[in-house]
Protein backbone atom coordinates (compact mmCIF):
# COMPACT_ATOMS: atom_id res chain seq x y z
CA MET A 1 -3.90 15.54 -12.43
CA THR A 2 -4.19 18.82 -10.53
CA SER A 3 -3.33 18.79 -6.82
CA SER A 4 -5.99 20.20 -4.48
CA ILE A 5 -3.86 20.10 -1.33
CA VAL A 6 -0.07 20.11 -1.08
CA MET A 7 1.79 19.78 2.21
CA ASP A 8 5.51 20.36 1.72
CA SER A 9 7.71 19.61 4.79
CA VAL A 10 5.11 21.17 7.08
CA SER A 11 5.75 21.59 10.80
CA LYS A 12 3.76 23.29 13.56
CA GLN A 13 5.16 23.93 17.02
CA PHE A 14 3.33 24.90 20.20
CA THR A 15 4.53 26.20 23.55
CA LEU A 16 3.49 24.77 26.92
CA ARG A 17 3.72 27.32 29.72
CA HIS A 18 4.14 25.77 33.16
CA ALA A 19 3.51 28.93 35.18
CA LYS A 20 0.69 31.40 34.62
CA THR A 21 1.23 33.68 37.62
CA LEU A 22 4.28 35.69 38.67
CA LYS A 23 4.47 33.75 41.95
CA ARG A 24 4.64 30.39 40.17
CA MET A 25 7.18 31.72 37.70
CA VAL A 26 9.45 32.87 40.55
CA MET A 27 9.04 29.54 42.39
CA ARG A 28 9.89 27.47 39.31
CA ALA A 29 12.82 29.70 38.44
CA ALA A 30 14.16 29.40 42.00
CA LYS A 31 14.02 25.60 41.71
CA GLY A 32 15.76 25.67 38.34
CA LYS A 33 12.69 24.35 36.51
CA PRO A 34 11.86 25.57 32.99
CA LEU A 35 9.02 28.07 32.63
CA LYS A 36 7.94 26.65 29.27
CA ASP A 37 8.51 23.79 26.87
CA SER A 38 7.94 23.49 23.14
CA PHE A 39 6.65 20.51 21.20
CA TYR A 40 5.83 19.69 17.58
CA ALA A 41 2.16 18.88 16.97
CA VAL A 42 3.03 18.31 13.29
CA ARG A 43 6.58 17.62 12.14
CA ASP A 44 7.99 17.53 8.59
CA VAL A 45 4.80 16.23 6.95
CA SER A 46 4.64 16.05 3.15
CA PHE A 47 1.89 14.71 0.89
CA GLU A 48 -0.38 15.71 -2.01
CA VAL A 49 -4.12 15.25 -2.47
CA GLU A 50 -5.32 15.14 -6.07
CA GLN A 51 -8.42 16.99 -7.23
CA GLY A 52 -11.52 14.84 -6.66
CA GLU A 53 -9.70 12.46 -4.32
CA SER A 54 -11.25 11.34 -1.04
CA ILE A 55 -8.64 10.97 1.68
CA GLY A 56 -8.88 10.04 5.36
CA LEU A 57 -6.51 11.16 8.09
CA MET A 58 -6.17 8.67 10.95
CA GLY A 59 -4.17 8.39 14.13
CA HIS A 60 -4.51 8.09 17.88
CA ASN A 61 -5.42 11.01 20.14
CA GLY A 62 -2.69 13.63 20.18
CA SER A 63 -1.15 12.49 16.90
CA GLY A 64 -1.69 15.90 15.25
CA LYS A 65 -4.73 15.19 13.04
CA THR A 66 -6.79 18.26 13.92
CA THR A 67 -3.74 20.53 13.78
CA LEU A 68 -2.99 19.28 10.27
CA LEU A 69 -6.59 19.88 9.21
CA LYS A 70 -6.46 23.44 10.58
CA LEU A 71 -3.25 24.02 8.64
CA ALA A 72 -5.01 22.84 5.48
CA SER A 73 -8.00 25.09 6.17
CA GLY A 74 -5.84 28.16 6.75
CA VAL A 75 -6.96 28.57 10.36
CA MET A 76 -3.31 28.03 11.35
CA ARG A 77 -0.09 28.81 9.51
CA PRO A 78 2.87 26.41 9.57
CA ASP A 79 6.06 27.37 11.38
CA GLU A 80 8.06 25.51 8.76
CA GLY A 81 7.26 24.29 5.25
CA GLU A 82 4.45 25.28 2.92
CA VAL A 83 0.74 24.52 2.58
CA ARG A 84 -0.94 25.06 -0.80
CA VAL A 85 -4.66 24.58 -1.42
CA ARG A 86 -6.24 25.00 -4.85
CA GLY A 87 -9.84 26.24 -4.87
CA ARG A 88 -12.25 27.38 -2.20
CA ILE A 89 -12.40 25.53 1.11
CA ALA A 90 -15.63 24.51 2.82
CA GLY A 91 -16.11 22.15 5.67
CA LEU A 92 -16.61 21.12 9.24
CA VAL A 93 -13.51 21.98 11.22
CA GLU A 94 -15.89 22.80 14.07
CA LEU A 95 -19.61 22.12 13.67
CA GLY A 96 -21.84 25.09 14.41
CA ALA A 97 -18.96 27.40 15.27
CA GLY A 98 -20.82 30.45 13.93
CA PHE A 99 -24.08 29.92 15.82
CA HIS A 100 -25.45 32.64 18.11
CA ASN A 101 -27.49 31.38 21.08
CA ASP A 102 -29.91 34.32 21.12
CA LEU A 103 -30.92 33.89 17.48
CA THR A 104 -33.45 31.40 16.15
CA GLY A 105 -32.51 28.41 14.05
CA ARG A 106 -33.75 30.26 10.96
CA GLU A 107 -31.59 33.30 11.71
CA ASN A 108 -28.60 31.12 12.46
CA VAL A 109 -28.92 29.34 9.12
CA PHE A 110 -28.45 32.66 7.33
CA LEU A 111 -25.68 33.75 9.71
CA ASN A 112 -23.72 30.51 9.49
CA ALA A 113 -24.22 30.24 5.72
CA ALA A 114 -22.85 33.77 5.28
CA ILE A 115 -19.78 32.87 7.35
CA LEU A 116 -19.24 29.88 5.06
CA GLY A 117 -19.41 32.08 1.96
CA MET A 118 -23.02 31.69 0.81
CA SER A 119 -25.00 34.70 -0.41
CA GLU A 120 -28.44 35.47 0.99
CA LYS A 121 -29.99 34.42 -2.31
CA GLU A 122 -28.14 31.07 -2.26
CA THR A 123 -29.23 30.47 1.34
CA ARG A 124 -32.88 31.22 0.56
CA THR A 125 -32.75 28.80 -2.36
CA LYS A 126 -31.27 26.01 -0.23
CA PHE A 127 -33.02 26.85 3.05
CA ASP A 128 -35.73 24.17 2.88
CA GLN A 129 -33.31 21.35 2.04
CA ILE A 130 -30.96 22.47 4.84
CA VAL A 131 -33.76 22.38 7.40
CA ASP A 132 -35.13 19.11 6.05
CA PHE A 133 -31.72 17.44 6.11
CA ALA A 134 -31.14 18.54 9.71
CA GLY A 135 -34.63 17.42 10.76
CA VAL A 136 -35.36 20.56 12.80
CA GLU A 137 -38.48 21.83 10.98
CA ARG A 138 -40.57 22.09 14.16
CA PHE A 139 -37.92 24.09 15.97
CA ILE A 140 -36.54 26.33 13.22
CA ASP A 141 -38.10 29.50 14.74
CA THR A 142 -36.94 28.64 18.28
CA GLU A 143 -33.81 30.22 19.75
CA ILE A 144 -30.90 27.89 19.19
CA LEU A 145 -30.07 28.22 22.89
CA HIS A 146 -32.84 25.66 23.45
CA TYR A 147 -31.49 23.16 20.89
CA SER A 148 -29.81 19.99 22.08
CA SER A 149 -26.16 19.53 21.14
CA GLY A 150 -27.22 16.94 18.57
CA MET A 151 -29.70 19.33 16.93
CA ARG A 152 -27.06 22.05 16.73
CA MET A 153 -24.56 19.68 15.16
CA ARG A 154 -27.09 18.34 12.64
CA LEU A 155 -27.98 21.88 11.59
CA GLY A 156 -24.30 22.84 11.35
CA PHE A 157 -23.60 19.82 9.13
CA ALA A 158 -26.63 20.53 6.91
CA ILE A 159 -25.43 24.11 6.32
CA ALA A 160 -21.80 23.16 5.73
CA VAL A 161 -22.51 20.58 3.03
CA GLU A 162 -24.38 23.23 1.02
CA ALA A 163 -21.53 25.76 1.20
CA PRO A 164 -19.58 26.40 -2.01
CA GLY A 165 -16.07 24.99 -2.28
CA GLU A 166 -13.87 22.64 -4.26
CA VAL A 167 -12.23 21.21 -1.12
CA PHE A 168 -14.36 19.84 1.73
CA LEU A 169 -12.70 19.36 5.13
CA ILE A 170 -14.32 17.30 7.90
CA ASP A 171 -13.07 16.91 11.46
CA GLU A 172 -15.08 14.16 13.18
CA GLY A 173 -18.14 15.82 11.64
CA LEU A 174 -19.95 12.53 11.08
CA ALA A 175 -19.91 11.60 14.76
CA VAL A 176 -23.25 13.39 15.26
CA GLY A 177 -26.77 12.09 15.61
CA ASP A 178 -28.11 8.57 15.55
CA ALA A 179 -27.36 5.78 13.09
CA PRO A 180 -29.89 6.89 10.40
CA PHE A 181 -28.48 10.43 10.42
CA LYS A 182 -24.93 9.12 10.13
CA LYS A 183 -26.00 7.13 7.07
CA LYS A 184 -27.48 10.32 5.57
CA CYS A 185 -24.19 12.11 6.24
CA ILE A 186 -22.10 9.44 4.52
CA THR A 187 -24.44 9.37 1.52
CA LYS A 188 -24.18 13.16 1.21
CA ILE A 189 -20.39 13.18 1.49
CA LYS A 190 -20.14 10.49 -1.20
CA GLU A 191 -22.39 12.62 -3.41
CA LEU A 192 -20.13 15.64 -2.93
CA ASN A 193 -17.13 13.55 -3.95
CA GLN A 194 -18.45 11.19 -6.62
CA VAL A 195 -21.12 13.38 -8.25
CA GLU A 196 -19.87 16.93 -7.71
CA GLY A 197 -16.18 16.02 -7.89
CA ARG A 198 -15.17 17.75 -4.68
CA THR A 199 -11.97 16.81 -2.88
CA ILE A 200 -12.76 15.28 0.53
CA PHE A 201 -10.30 15.45 3.44
CA LEU A 202 -11.70 13.58 6.45
CA VAL A 203 -10.26 13.33 9.95
CA SER A 204 -11.87 10.50 11.88
CA HIS A 205 -11.32 7.87 14.55
CA SER A 206 -13.95 5.69 12.88
CA VAL A 207 -12.45 2.92 10.79
CA LYS A 208 -15.72 2.31 8.96
CA GLN A 209 -16.21 5.99 8.14
CA VAL A 210 -12.80 6.15 6.51
CA GLN A 211 -13.27 2.86 4.66
CA ARG A 212 -16.72 3.80 3.36
CA ILE A 213 -15.91 7.35 2.30
CA CYS A 214 -12.22 7.41 1.38
CA ASP A 215 -10.08 5.75 -1.26
CA ARG A 216 -6.82 6.67 0.46
CA ALA A 217 -5.72 7.10 4.07
CA LEU A 218 -2.85 8.71 5.96
CA VAL A 219 -1.76 7.75 9.47
CA LEU A 220 -0.07 10.22 11.80
CA GLU A 221 2.09 9.14 14.73
CA GLN A 222 3.28 11.81 17.16
CA GLY A 223 2.94 14.49 14.51
CA SER A 224 4.79 12.64 11.74
CA LEU A 225 3.38 10.90 8.68
CA ALA A 226 3.80 7.18 9.35
CA PHE A 227 1.70 5.63 6.56
CA ASP A 228 0.13 6.55 3.21
CA GLY A 229 -1.95 3.95 1.38
CA THR A 230 -5.40 2.39 1.10
CA PRO A 231 -7.81 2.69 4.07
CA LYS A 232 -7.71 -1.06 4.72
CA GLU A 233 -3.91 -1.08 4.75
CA ALA A 234 -3.92 1.97 7.02
CA VAL A 235 -6.14 0.18 9.52
CA LYS A 236 -3.88 -2.87 9.45
CA PHE A 237 -0.90 -0.59 10.02
CA MET A 238 -2.59 0.87 13.11
CA ARG A 239 -4.03 -2.38 14.46
CA GLY A 240 -1.69 -5.05 13.23
CA ASP A 241 -3.58 -8.19 12.21
CA GLU A 242 -6.64 -7.49 14.36
CA ASP A 243 -9.94 -8.40 12.70
CA LEU A 244 -11.33 -5.27 11.03
CA GLU A 245 -14.93 -6.44 11.33
CA ASP A 246 -14.98 -6.44 15.15
CA GLU A 247 -16.56 -3.03 15.47
CA ASP A 248 -19.65 -1.45 16.92
CA PRO A 249 -22.46 -2.16 14.42
CA LEU A 250 -23.70 1.42 14.92
CA ASP A 251 -20.35 2.87 13.90
CA PHE A 252 -21.42 4.15 10.52
């Protein structure tokens, strides 16, 4: 099969600066303390995602999940190794990132859709289903400044899932709204994968989200790939023999 995403010995390093002012720099230097340190957010990670595959990326906070997703999306470039993605990328690296507070919901739909690669004609065709999915019909001509964070996120999700692309990236995008909306999100993501054949790459802390959406899971530990297998095996790897059913019933 054709690979949609290839990570080949990928590493990404960041620098921590301990002094932001000249005074602090002089004081640290006088005490023999370093002015900066470097660390690897992602280190020597290699894997392939096949076209049409649905894969979840798991790991504890600070393990490098979001950095790896940004490398896949092209937002960041690796310091070492190579990232190859086949096809157009759509997704939810940051929900509602293109929204403008002074514009109405209607205007922001067209703005955000254009940022995600949709033409004005495509947006007009899909406008009603975007608004209906987000559940913001009554407020669509209100400035988005007055939207709640949940409303903004629902609208951002509704736009993103209509954007063109063979690869769909999601960073905690399903952690928005109440339980019924989360169910709608999961149903839509499954449709993108199983009906439209899109490759899904999901970063999530939710065990149930990964198990319900993905057929494969990766686990990162301190920036390195520690596990690659089925979602259930990945959860066991992270939790040992803990009962997988002991979860919040609203964690869809």
